[in-house]
Amino acid sequence: MLDTTDEPWPVLFLSHETHAFEPAYPSFEAFVAEWRVTETEVRRQYEERQAAYRAQSRRTLFILAALGGLILLVIALLAVAALRS
């Protein structure tokens, strides 16, 4: 809640324990400043997680391709061995 009757407009939160309004930020500007810092941090973390996910996906595809190639090689060797016998 924003108390506009008091300068510099303190921001109050409702306490779940006491059901009373308690001061959370000394001013609306302080609330907005923390909001922007939090938003920037959340975006940074999201981008880091996305980069890690893409890297993991590339590694997984590489491993699957290598295993597929290995399986094809084994099948080819077995076919050659079967033709020679």
PDB file of N, CA and C in Angstrom:
ATOM      1  N   MET A   1       0.852  -1.157   0.000  1.00  0.00           N
ATOM      2  CA  MET A   1       0.000   0.000   0.000  1.00  0.00           C
ATOM      3  C   MET A   1       0.908   1.233   0.000  1.00  0.00           C
ATOM      4  N   LEU A   2       0.464   2.264  -0.701  1.00  0.00           N
ATOM      5  CA  LEU A   2       1.223   3.498  -0.806  1.00  0.00           C
ATOM      6  C   LEU A   2       0.504   4.565   0.013  1.00  0.00           C
ATOM      7  N   ASP A   3       1.209   5.093   0.999  1.00  0.00           N
ATOM      8  CA  ASP A   3       0.623   6.130   1.864  1.00  0.00           C
ATOM      9  C   ASP A   3       0.924   7.497   1.251  1.00  0.00           C
ATOM     10  N   THR A   4      -0.066   8.068   0.558  1.00  0.00           N
ATOM     11  CA  THR A   4       0.140   9.364  -0.106  1.00  0.00           C
ATOM     12  C   THR A   4      -0.103  10.541   0.823  1.00  0.00           C
ATOM     13  N   THR A   5      -0.488  10.268   2.059  1.00  0.00           N
ATOM     14  CA  THR A   5      -0.707  11.367   3.002  1.00  0.00           C
ATOM     15  C   THR A   5       0.573  11.788   3.693  1.00  0.00           C
ATOM     16  N   ASP A   6       1.602  10.982   3.547  1.00  0.00           N
ATOM     17  CA  ASP A   6       2.866  11.240   4.237  1.00  0.00           C
ATOM     18  C   ASP A   6       3.985  11.337   3.209  1.00  0.00           C
ATOM     19  N   GLU A   7       4.727  12.418   3.228  1.00  0.00           N
ATOM     20  CA  GLU A   7       5.889  12.556   2.346  1.00  0.00           C
ATOM     21  C   GLU A   7       7.040  11.776   2.941  1.00  0.00           C
ATOM     22  N   PRO A   8       7.824  11.079   2.247  1.00  0.00           N
ATOM     23  CA  PRO A   8       7.942  10.904   0.808  1.00  0.00           C
ATOM     24  C   PRO A   8       7.210   9.658   0.303  1.00  0.00           C
ATOM     25  N   TRP A   9       5.998   9.464   0.700  1.00  0.00           N
ATOM     26  CA  TRP A   9       5.136   8.352   0.279  1.00  0.00           C
ATOM     27  C   TRP A   9       5.724   6.985   0.637  1.00  0.00           C
ATOM     28  N   PRO A  10       5.713   6.636   1.902  1.00  0.00           N
ATOM     29  CA  PRO A  10       6.239   5.314   2.279  1.00  0.00           C
ATOM     30  C   PRO A  10       5.355   4.189   1.728  1.00  0.00           C
ATOM     31  N   VAL A  11       5.998   3.068   1.473  1.00  0.00           N
ATOM     32  CA  VAL A  11       5.282   1.890   0.985  1.00  0.00           C
ATOM     33  C   VAL A  11       5.104   0.950   2.173  1.00  0.00           C
ATOM     34  N   LEU A  12       3.867   0.509   2.380  1.00  0.00           N
ATOM     35  CA  LEU A  12       3.535  -0.367   3.501  1.00  0.00           C
ATOM     36  C   LEU A  12       3.115  -1.728   2.974  1.00  0.00           C
ATOM     37  N   PHE A  13       3.457  -2.768   3.711  1.00  0.00           N
ATOM     38  CA  PHE A  13       3.026  -4.123   3.385  1.00  0.00           C
ATOM     39  C   PHE A  13       2.088  -4.613   4.478  1.00  0.00           C
ATOM     40  N   LEU A  14       1.150  -5.466   4.090  1.00  0.00           N
ATOM     41  CA  LEU A  14       0.228  -6.056   5.052  1.00  0.00           C
ATOM     42  C   LEU A  14       0.880  -7.280   5.671  1.00  0.00           C
ATOM     43  N   SER A  15       0.994  -7.291   6.989  1.00  0.00           N
ATOM     44  CA  SER A  15       1.583  -8.421   7.700  1.00  0.00           C
ATOM     45  C   SER A  15       0.596  -9.579   7.738  1.00  0.00           C
ATOM     46  N   HIS A  16       1.080 -10.758   7.397  1.00  0.00           N
ATOM     47  CA  HIS A  16       0.214 -11.939   7.443  1.00  0.00           C
ATOM     48  C   HIS A  16       0.008 -12.429   8.869  1.00  0.00           C
ATOM     49  N   GLU A  17       0.953 -12.093   9.741  1.00  0.00           N
ATOM     50  CA  GLU A  17       0.842 -12.533  11.130  1.00  0.00           C
ATOM     51  C   GLU A  17      -0.113 -11.650  11.935  1.00  0.00           C
ATOM     52  N   THR A  18       0.058 -10.337  11.807  1.00  0.00           N
ATOM     53  CA  THR A  18      -0.717  -9.410  12.647  1.00  0.00           C
ATOM     54  C   THR A  18      -1.851  -8.730  11.895  1.00  0.00           C
ATOM     55  N   HIS A  19      -1.891  -8.894  10.576  1.00  0.00           N
ATOM     56  CA  HIS A  19      -2.889  -8.227   9.728  1.00  0.00           C
ATOM     57  C   HIS A  19      -2.835  -6.706   9.883  1.00  0.00           C
ATOM     58  N   ALA A  20      -1.658  -6.210  10.136  1.00  0.00           N
ATOM     59  CA  ALA A  20      -1.455  -4.760  10.258  1.00  0.00           C
ATOM     60  C   ALA A  20      -0.511  -4.302   9.155  1.00  0.00           C
ATOM     61  N   PHE A  21      -0.621  -3.054   8.797  1.00  0.00           N
ATOM     62  CA  PHE A  21       0.283  -2.499   7.805  1.00  0.00           C
ATOM     63  C   PHE A  21       1.613  -2.165   8.473  1.00  0.00           C
ATOM     64  N   GLU A  22       2.699  -2.635   7.847  1.00  0.00           N
ATOM     65  CA  GLU A  22       4.030  -2.398   8.392  1.00  0.00           C
ATOM     66  C   GLU A  22       4.874  -1.706   7.333  1.00  0.00           C
ATOM     67  N   PRO A  23       5.747  -0.793   7.741  1.00  0.00           N
ATOM     68  CA  PRO A  23       6.585  -0.110   6.756  1.00  0.00           C
ATOM     69  C   PRO A  23       7.524  -1.087   6.056  1.00  0.00           C
ATOM     70  N   ALA A  24       7.573  -0.987   4.734  1.00  0.00           N
ATOM     71  CA  ALA A  24       8.443  -1.863   3.958  1.00  0.00           C
ATOM     72  C   ALA A  24       9.549  -1.069   3.268  1.00  0.00           C
ATOM     73  N   TYR A  25       9.205   0.109   2.784  1.00  0.00           N
ATOM     74  CA  TYR A  25      10.171   0.978   2.110  1.00  0.00           C
ATOM     75  C   TYR A  25       9.936   2.411   2.592  1.00  0.00           C
ATOM     76  N   PRO A  26      10.995   3.161   2.779  1.00  0.00           N
ATOM     77  CA  PRO A  26      10.829   4.526   3.290  1.00  0.00           C
ATOM     78  C   PRO A  26      10.166   5.463   2.290  1.00  0.00           C
ATOM     79  N   SER A  27      10.266   5.118   0.978  1.00  0.00           N
ATOM     80  CA  SER A  27       9.652   5.978  -0.031  1.00  0.00           C
ATOM     81  C   SER A  27       9.291   5.139  -1.241  1.00  0.00           C
ATOM     82  N   PHE A  28       8.428   5.707  -2.065  1.00  0.00           N
ATOM     83  CA  PHE A  28       8.045   5.027  -3.296  1.00  0.00           C
ATOM     84  C   PHE A  28       9.249   4.896  -4.220  1.00  0.00           C
ATOM     85  N   GLU A  29      10.121   5.895  -4.211  1.00  0.00           N
ATOM     86  CA  GLU A  29      11.323   5.840  -5.037  1.00  0.00           C
ATOM     87  C   GLU A  29      12.210   4.671  -4.631  1.00  0.00           C
ATOM     88  N   ALA A  30      12.329   4.412  -3.348  1.00  0.00           N
ATOM     89  CA  ALA A  30      13.134   3.282  -2.867  1.00  0.00           C
ATOM     90  C   ALA A  30      12.521   1.956  -3.328  1.00  0.00           C
ATOM     91  N   PHE A  31      11.195   1.871  -3.290  1.00  0.00           N
ATOM     92  CA  PHE A  31      10.495   0.669  -3.759  1.00  0.00           C
ATOM     93  C   PHE A  31      10.767   0.438  -5.246  1.00  0.00           C
ATOM     94  N   VAL A  32      10.645   1.497  -6.043  1.00  0.00           N
ATOM     95  CA  VAL A  32      10.866   1.385  -7.483  1.00  0.00           C
ATOM     96  C   VAL A  32      12.326   1.022  -7.773  1.00  0.00           C
ATOM     97  N   ALA A  33      13.258   1.616  -7.043  1.00  0.00           N
ATOM     98  CA  ALA A  33      14.677   1.315  -7.241  1.00  0.00           C
ATOM     99  C   ALA A  33      14.964  -0.163  -6.981  1.00  0.00           C
ATOM    100  N   GLU A  34      14.429  -0.697  -5.892  1.00  0.00           N
ATOM    101  CA  GLU A  34      14.650  -2.121  -5.602  1.00  0.00           C
ATOM    102  C   GLU A  34      13.961  -2.994  -6.634  1.00  0.00           C
ATOM    103  N   TRP A  35      12.788  -2.574  -7.081  1.00  0.00           N
ATOM    104  CA  TRP A  35      12.058  -3.330  -8.113  1.00  0.00           C
ATOM    105  C   TRP A  35      12.916  -3.432  -9.373  1.00  0.00           C
ATOM    106  N   ARG A  36      13.538  -2.338  -9.773  1.00  0.00           N
ATOM    107  CA  ARG A  36      14.365  -2.350 -10.988  1.00  0.00           C
ATOM    108  C   ARG A  36      15.593  -3.228 -10.813  1.00  0.00           C
ATOM    109  N   VAL A  37      16.206  -3.170  -9.650  1.00  0.00           N
ATOM    110  CA  VAL A  37      17.375  -4.025  -9.392  1.00  0.00           C
ATOM    111  C   VAL A  37      16.953  -5.489  -9.444  1.00  0.00           C
ATOM    112  N   THR A  38      15.828  -5.813  -8.825  1.00  0.00           N
ATOM    113  CA  THR A  38      15.334  -7.190  -8.813  1.00  0.00           C
ATOM    114  C   THR A  38      15.003  -7.655 -10.229  1.00  0.00           C
ATOM    115  N   GLU A  39      14.351  -6.797 -10.994  1.00  0.00           N
ATOM    116  CA  GLU A  39      14.000  -7.154 -12.370  1.00  0.00           C
ATOM    117  C   GLU A  39      15.256  -7.412 -13.203  1.00  0.00           C
ATOM    118  N   THR A  40      16.262  -6.585 -13.052  1.00  0.00           N
ATOM    119  CA  THR A  40      17.523  -6.760 -13.776  1.00  0.00           C
ATOM    120  C   THR A  40      18.183  -8.076 -13.380  1.00  0.00           C
ATOM    121  N   GLU A  41      18.183  -8.385 -12.087  1.00  0.00           N
ATOM    122  CA  GLU A  41      18.791  -9.626 -11.605  1.00  0.00           C
ATOM    123  C   GLU A  41      18.037 -10.848 -12.134  1.00  0.00           C
ATOM    124  N   VAL A  42      16.720 -10.795 -12.136  1.00  0.00           N
ATOM    125  CA  VAL A  42      15.918 -11.917 -12.643  1.00  0.00           C
ATOM    126  C   VAL A  42      16.189 -12.124 -14.129  1.00  0.00           C
ATOM    127  N   ARG A  43      16.265 -11.040 -14.889  1.00  0.00           N
ATOM    128  CA  ARG A  43      16.576 -11.167 -16.320  1.00  0.00           C
ATOM    129  C   ARG A  43      17.967 -11.761 -16.526  1.00  0.00           C
ATOM    130  N   ARG A  44      18.949 -11.338 -15.735  1.00  0.00           N
ATOM    131  CA  ARG A  44      20.300 -11.869 -15.858  1.00  0.00           C
ATOM    132  C   ARG A  44      20.329 -13.370 -15.569  1.00  0.00           C
ATOM    133  N   GLN A  45      19.636 -13.768 -14.502  1.00  0.00           N
ATOM    134  CA  GLN A  45      19.582 -15.189 -14.150  1.00  0.00           C
ATOM    135  C   GLN A  45      18.887 -15.999 -15.239  1.00  0.00           C
ATOM    136  N   TYR A  46      17.818 -15.439 -15.807  1.00  0.00           N
ATOM    137  CA  TYR A  46      17.097 -16.123 -16.878  1.00  0.00           C
ATOM    138  C   TYR A  46      18.010 -16.337 -18.085  1.00  0.00           C
ATOM    139  N   GLU A  47      18.747 -15.304 -18.465  1.00  0.00           N
ATOM    140  CA  GLU A  47      19.650 -15.415 -19.608  1.00  0.00           C
ATOM    141  C   GLU A  47      20.761 -16.428 -19.341  1.00  0.00           C
ATOM    142  N   GLU A  48      21.284 -16.452 -18.113  1.00  0.00           N
ATOM    143  CA  GLU A  48      22.309 -17.444 -17.762  1.00  0.00           C
ATOM    144  C   GLU A  48      21.751 -18.855 -17.866  1.00  0.00           C
ATOM    145  N   ARG A  49      20.543 -19.057 -17.378  1.00  0.00           N
ATOM    146  CA  ARG A  49      19.929 -20.393 -17.432  1.00  0.00           C
ATOM    147  C   ARG A  49      19.643 -20.808 -18.872  1.00  0.00           C
ATOM    148  N   GLN A  50      19.211 -19.854 -19.689  1.00  0.00           N
ATOM    149  CA  GLN A  50      18.960 -20.162 -21.095  1.00  0.00           C
ATOM    150  C   GLN A  50      20.258 -20.553 -21.797  1.00  0.00           C
ATOM    151  N   ALA A  51      21.340 -19.837 -21.522  1.00  0.00           N
ATOM    152  CA  ALA A  51      22.636 -20.160 -22.127  1.00  0.00           C
ATOM    153  C   ALA A  51      23.102 -21.548 -21.679  1.00  0.00           C
ATOM    154  N   ALA A  52      22.932 -21.854 -20.410  1.00  0.00           N
ATOM    155  CA  ALA A  52      23.324 -23.177 -19.895  1.00  0.00           C
ATOM    156  C   ALA A  52      22.471 -24.279 -20.528  1.00  0.00           C
ATOM    157  N   TYR A  53      21.179 -24.008 -20.705  1.00  0.00           N
ATOM    158  CA  TYR A  53      20.284 -24.988 -21.333  1.00  0.00           C
ATOM    159  C   TYR A  53      20.702 -25.241 -22.781  1.00  0.00           C
ATOM    160  N   ARG A  54      21.030 -24.167 -23.525  1.00  0.00           N
ATOM    161  CA  ARG A  54      21.451 -24.329 -24.913  1.00  0.00           C
ATOM    162  C   ARG A  54      22.765 -25.119 -24.994  1.00  0.00           C
ATOM    163  N   ALA A  55      23.693 -24.827 -24.090  1.00  0.00           N
ATOM    164  CA  ALA A  55      24.962 -25.552 -24.078  1.00  0.00           C
ATOM    165  C   ALA A  55      24.733 -27.029 -23.780  1.00  0.00           C
ATOM    166  N   GLN A  56      23.877 -27.322 -22.816  1.00  0.00           N
ATOM    167  CA  GLN A  56      23.576 -28.713 -22.474  1.00  0.00           C
ATOM    168  C   GLN A  56      22.885 -29.413 -23.635  1.00  0.00           C
ATOM    169  N   SER A  57      22.011 -28.718 -24.330  1.00  0.00           N
ATOM    170  CA  SER A  57      21.330 -29.299 -25.486  1.00  0.00           C
ATOM    171  C   SER A  57      22.321 -29.639 -26.589  1.00  0.00           C
ATOM    172  N   ARG A  58      23.282 -28.745 -26.832  1.00  0.00           N
ATOM    173  CA  ARG A  58      24.306 -29.019 -27.853  1.00  0.00           C
ATOM    174  C   ARG A  58      25.142 -30.240 -27.471  1.00  0.00           C
ATOM    175  N   ARG A  59      25.521 -30.321 -26.194  1.00  0.00           N
ATOM    176  CA  ARG A  59      26.309 -31.488 -25.749  1.00  0.00           C
ATOM    177  C   ARG A  59      25.505 -32.774 -25.913  1.00  0.00           C
ATOM    178  N   THR A  60      24.244 -32.733 -25.567  1.00  0.00           N
ATOM    179  CA  THR A  60      23.394 -33.918 -25.687  1.00  0.00           C
ATOM    180  C   THR A  60      23.263 -34.347 -27.142  1.00  0.00           C
ATOM    181  N   LEU A  61      23.038 -33.393 -28.044  1.00  0.00           N
ATOM    182  CA  LEU A  61      22.928 -33.731 -29.464  1.00  0.00           C
ATOM    183  C   LEU A  61      24.236 -34.300 -29.999  1.00  0.00           C
ATOM    184  N   PHE A  62      25.358 -33.758 -29.573  1.00  0.00           N
ATOM    185  CA  PHE A  62      26.651 -34.273 -29.988  1.00  0.00           C
ATOM    186  C   PHE A  62      26.829 -35.724 -29.539  1.00  0.00           C
ATOM    187  N   ILE A  63      26.499 -36.000 -28.293  1.00  0.00           N
ATOM    188  CA  ILE A  63      26.633 -37.362 -27.755  1.00  0.00           C
ATOM    189  C   ILE A  63      25.720 -38.325 -28.508  1.00  0.00           C
ATOM    190  N   LEU A  64      24.473 -37.892 -28.769  1.00  0.00           N
ATOM    191  CA  LEU A  64      23.539 -38.755 -29.501  1.00  0.00           C
ATOM    192  C   LEU A  64      24.029 -39.027 -30.918  1.00  0.00           C
ATOM    193  N   ALA A  65      24.584 -38.006 -31.572  1.00  0.00           N
ATOM    194  CA  ALA A  65      25.114 -38.192 -32.925  1.00  0.00           C
ATOM    195  C   ALA A  65      26.303 -39.148 -32.902  1.00  0.00           C
ATOM    196  N   ALA A  66      27.176 -39.005 -31.917  1.00  0.00           N
ATOM    197  CA  ALA A  66      28.337 -39.887 -31.808  1.00  0.00           C
ATOM    198  C   ALA A  66      27.891 -41.331 -31.559  1.00  0.00           C
ATOM    199  N   LEU A  67      26.917 -41.511 -30.691  1.00  0.00           N
ATOM    200  CA  LEU A  67      26.417 -42.866 -30.429  1.00  0.00           C
ATOM    201  C   LEU A  67      25.753 -43.453 -31.670  1.00  0.00           C
ATOM    202  N   GLY A  68      25.011 -42.618 -32.394  1.00  0.00           N
ATOM    203  CA  GLY A  68      24.380 -43.096 -33.634  1.00  0.00           C
ATOM    204  C   GLY A  68      25.419 -43.527 -34.646  1.00  0.00           C
ATOM    205  N   GLY A  69      26.486 -42.745 -34.784  1.00  0.00           N
ATOM    206  CA  GLY A  69      27.564 -43.115 -35.694  1.00  0.00           C
ATOM    207  C   GLY A  69      28.248 -44.397 -35.272  1.00  0.00           C
ATOM    208  N   LEU A  70      28.455 -44.548 -33.975  1.00  0.00           N
ATOM    209  CA  LEU A  70      29.076 -45.765 -33.454  1.00  0.00           C
ATOM    210  C   LEU A  70      28.204 -46.989 -33.728  1.00  0.00           C
ATOM    211  N   ILE A  71      26.918 -46.850 -33.549  1.00  0.00           N
ATOM    212  CA  ILE A  71      25.990 -47.962 -33.808  1.00  0.00           C
ATOM    213  C   ILE A  71      26.020 -48.335 -35.289  1.00  0.00           C
ATOM    214  N   LEU A  72      26.026 -47.319 -36.165  1.00  0.00           N
ATOM    215  CA  LEU A  72      26.098 -47.607 -37.603  1.00  0.00           C
ATOM    216  C   LEU A  72      27.406 -48.300 -37.961  1.00  0.00           C
ATOM    217  N   LEU A  73      28.513 -47.902 -37.347  1.00  0.00           N
ATOM    218  CA  LEU A  73      29.793 -48.540 -37.587  1.00  0.00           C
ATOM    219  C   LEU A  73      29.764 -50.004 -37.165  1.00  0.00           C
ATOM    220  N   VAL A  74      29.214 -50.279 -36.006  1.00  0.00           N
ATOM    221  CA  VAL A  74      29.122 -51.666 -35.525  1.00  0.00           C
ATOM    222  C   VAL A  74      28.253 -52.493 -36.462  1.00  0.00           C
ATOM    223  N   ILE A  75      27.137 -51.937 -36.916  1.00  0.00           N
ATOM    224  CA  ILE A  75      26.254 -52.664 -37.845  1.00  0.00           C
ATOM    225  C   ILE A  75      26.989 -52.948 -39.145  1.00  0.00           C
ATOM    226  N   ALA A  76      27.749 -51.953 -39.648  1.00  0.00           N
ATOM    227  CA  ALA A  76      28.493 -52.156 -40.890  1.00  0.00           C
ATOM    228  C   ALA A  76      29.549 -53.235 -40.707  1.00  0.00           C
ATOM    229  N   LEU A  77      30.266 -53.227 -39.587  1.00  0.00           N
ATOM    230  CA  LEU A  77      31.279 -54.258 -39.329  1.00  0.00           C
ATOM    231  C   LEU A  77      30.654 -55.642 -39.205  1.00  0.00           C
ATOM    232  N   LEU A  78      29.497 -55.707 -38.570  1.00  0.00           N
ATOM    233  CA  LEU A  78      28.805 -57.001 -38.456  1.00  0.00           C
ATOM    234  C   LEU A  78      28.343 -57.483 -39.823  1.00  0.00           C
ATOM    235  N   ALA A  79      27.892 -56.564 -40.657  1.00  0.00           N
ATOM    236  CA  ALA A  79      27.442 -56.959 -42.001  1.00  0.00           C
ATOM    237  C   ALA A  79      28.607 -57.455 -42.820  1.00  0.00           C
ATOM    238  N   VAL A  80      29.757 -56.775 -42.743  1.00  0.00           N
ATOM    239  CA  VAL A  80      30.949 -57.217 -43.475  1.00  0.00           C
ATOM    240  C   VAL A  80      31.398 -58.589 -42.973  1.00  0.00           C
ATOM    241  N   ALA A  81      31.372 -58.779 -41.672  1.00  0.00           N
ATOM    242  CA  ALA A  81      31.763 -60.069 -41.096  1.00  0.00           C
ATOM    243  C   ALA A  81      30.802 -61.159 -41.535  1.00  0.00           C
ATOM    244  N   ALA A  82      29.520 -60.852 -41.625  1.00  0.00           N
ATOM    245  CA  ALA A  82      28.540 -61.851 -42.042  1.00  0.00           C
ATOM    246  C   ALA A  82      28.723 -62.206 -43.521  1.00  0.00           C
ATOM    247  N   LEU A  83      29.089 -61.239 -44.351  1.00  0.00           N
ATOM    248  CA  LEU A  83      29.292 -61.504 -45.775  1.00  0.00           C
ATOM    249  C   LEU A  83      30.548 -62.346 -46.022  1.00  0.00           C
ATOM    250  N   ARG A  84      31.564 -62.189 -45.187  1.00  0.00           N
ATOM    251  CA  ARG A  84      32.819 -62.926 -45.354  1.00  0.00           C
ATOM    252  C   ARG A  84      32.695 -64.378 -44.887  1.00  0.00           C
ATOM    253  N   SER A  85      31.720 -64.664 -44.059  1.00  0.00           N
ATOM    254  CA  SER A  85      31.631 -66.038 -43.554  1.00  0.00           C
ATOM    255  C   SER A  85      30.725 -66.914 -44.374  1.00  0.00           C
TER     256      SER A  85
END
